Protein backbone atom coordinates (compact mmCIF):
# COMPACT_ATOMS: atom_id res chain seq x y z
CA UNK A 1 100.99 1.21 -64.96
CA UNK A 2 100.60 1.66 -61.33
CA UNK A 3 98.33 4.67 -61.67
CA UNK A 4 96.23 2.91 -64.34
CA UNK A 5 95.25 0.35 -61.75
CA UNK A 6 95.34 2.65 -58.51
CA UNK A 7 92.88 5.27 -59.89
CA UNK A 8 90.05 2.79 -60.78
CA UNK A 9 90.40 1.24 -57.44
CA UNK A 10 90.36 4.58 -55.55
CA UNK A 11 87.29 5.60 -57.56
CA UNK A 12 85.47 2.29 -56.68
CA UNK A 13 86.37 2.83 -53.02
CA UNK A 14 85.30 6.42 -52.81
CA UNK A 15 82.63 7.24 -55.30
CA UNK A 16 79.12 6.04 -54.50
CA UNK A 17 77.83 3.30 -56.64
CA UNK A 18 74.86 5.28 -57.74
CA UNK A 19 77.30 7.77 -59.44
CA UNK A 20 79.95 5.20 -60.70
CA UNK A 21 79.67 1.45 -61.24
CA UNK A 22 82.44 -0.25 -59.34
CA UNK A 23 85.29 -1.35 -61.55
CA UNK A 24 88.96 -2.27 -60.93
CA UNK A 25 89.51 -2.44 -64.81
CA UNK A 26 92.89 -1.06 -65.85
CA UNK A 27 92.50 2.49 -67.42
CA UNK A 28 93.12 2.92 -71.24
CA UNK A 29 96.05 5.40 -72.10
CA UNK A 30 95.36 7.72 -75.00
CA UNK A 31 97.89 9.99 -76.31
CA UNK A 32 96.52 13.51 -77.19
CA UNK A 33 98.66 15.34 -79.85
CA UNK A 34 96.40 18.22 -81.06
CA UNK A 35 96.01 21.51 -79.22
CA UNK A 36 98.08 20.38 -76.22
CA UNK A 37 99.52 23.45 -74.41
CA UNK A 38 103.41 23.26 -74.06
CA UNK A 39 105.33 25.12 -71.40
CA UNK A 40 108.89 26.33 -71.90
CA UNK A 41 109.70 26.87 -68.30
CA UNK A 42 110.34 23.18 -66.77
CA UNK A 43 109.52 24.66 -63.33
CA UNK A 44 105.91 24.99 -64.41
CA UNK A 45 105.13 21.43 -65.34
CA UNK A 46 103.08 20.65 -62.22
CA UNK A 47 100.81 23.47 -62.66
CA UNK A 48 100.40 22.69 -66.36
CA UNK A 49 99.81 18.97 -65.33
CA UNK A 50 97.02 19.92 -62.77
CA UNK A 51 95.18 22.35 -64.97
CA UNK A 52 95.61 19.96 -67.89
CA UNK A 53 93.90 17.05 -65.90
CA UNK A 54 91.26 19.49 -64.61
CA UNK A 55 90.37 20.60 -68.18
CA UNK A 56 90.22 17.08 -69.45
CA UNK A 57 88.08 15.98 -66.48
CA UNK A 58 85.65 18.80 -66.93
CA UNK A 59 85.57 18.62 -70.71
CA UNK A 60 87.02 22.15 -71.15
CA UNK A 61 89.32 23.56 -73.78
CA UNK A 62 92.88 24.49 -72.87
CA UNK A 63 92.35 28.10 -74.05
CA UNK A 64 94.30 30.33 -71.60
CA UNK A 65 96.67 27.62 -70.66
CA UNK A 66 99.96 29.21 -71.71
CA UNK A 67 103.20 30.50 -70.42
CA UNK A 68 101.94 34.03 -70.24
CA UNK A 69 99.08 33.13 -67.90
CA UNK A 70 100.86 30.29 -65.80
CA UNK A 71 101.66 32.79 -62.94
CA UNK A 72 98.24 33.93 -62.41
CA UNK A 73 96.98 30.43 -62.75
CA UNK A 74 99.39 29.26 -60.12
CA UNK A 75 98.33 32.16 -57.66
CA UNK A 76 94.65 31.28 -58.16
CA UNK A 77 95.30 27.53 -57.57
CA UNK A 78 97.14 28.50 -54.35
CA UNK A 79 94.27 30.56 -53.16
CA UNK A 80 91.70 27.82 -53.97
CA UNK A 81 93.80 25.23 -52.08
CA UNK A 82 94.20 27.73 -49.11
CA UNK A 83 90.39 28.22 -49.04
CA UNK A 84 89.82 24.36 -49.14
CA UNK A 85 91.99 23.79 -46.15
CA UNK A 86 91.79 26.93 -44.15
CA UNK A 87 89.32 25.37 -41.51
CA UNK A 88 91.23 22.14 -41.02
CA UNK A 89 94.62 24.09 -40.62
CA UNK A 90 93.48 26.37 -37.78
CA UNK A 91 95.67 25.73 -34.77
CA UNK A 92 92.82 24.68 -32.69
CA UNK A 93 92.22 21.64 -35.04
CA UNK A 94 95.75 20.42 -34.82
CA UNK A 95 95.30 18.25 -31.73
CA UNK A 96 97.06 15.11 -32.99
CA UNK A 97 96.18 12.00 -30.98
CA UNK A 98 95.20 14.01 -27.92
CA UNK A 99 98.75 15.64 -27.94
CA UNK A 100 98.90 19.32 -28.45
CA UNK A 101 100.77 20.21 -31.58
CA UNK A 102 102.32 23.52 -32.17
CA UNK A 103 103.41 24.94 -35.50
CA UNK A 104 107.00 25.99 -34.94
CA UNK A 105 107.97 29.51 -35.68
CA UNK A 106 111.27 31.09 -36.97
CA UNK A 107 111.18 33.09 -33.76
CA UNK A 108 110.38 30.27 -31.46
CA UNK A 109 113.18 29.99 -28.85
CA UNK A 110 112.14 26.62 -27.61
CA UNK A 111 113.37 24.95 -30.70
CA UNK A 112 117.04 23.98 -30.57
């Protein structure tokens, strides 16, 4: 129930009013039972969920979302996430509150 309230509130806060009318109405829940991809490996549920939500949001079919393709989908998603955060993750951008921040390394002898 929490997500059904939180998502409309977030969308009202972040999506411009000319794109989406502000609304805090609770989301409806619909159960889809036809043509839903199922995964056999329980370790893949997060990737399935993300891609399933993406397909629903874009109005696309679930063709290609299957156990045989999930590793390639995982690698592609990881590469897309890396591309999105690459600039923000540069060491020069990690100055938190004016205090220099260093990402520790396994070879860093200053960490005890």
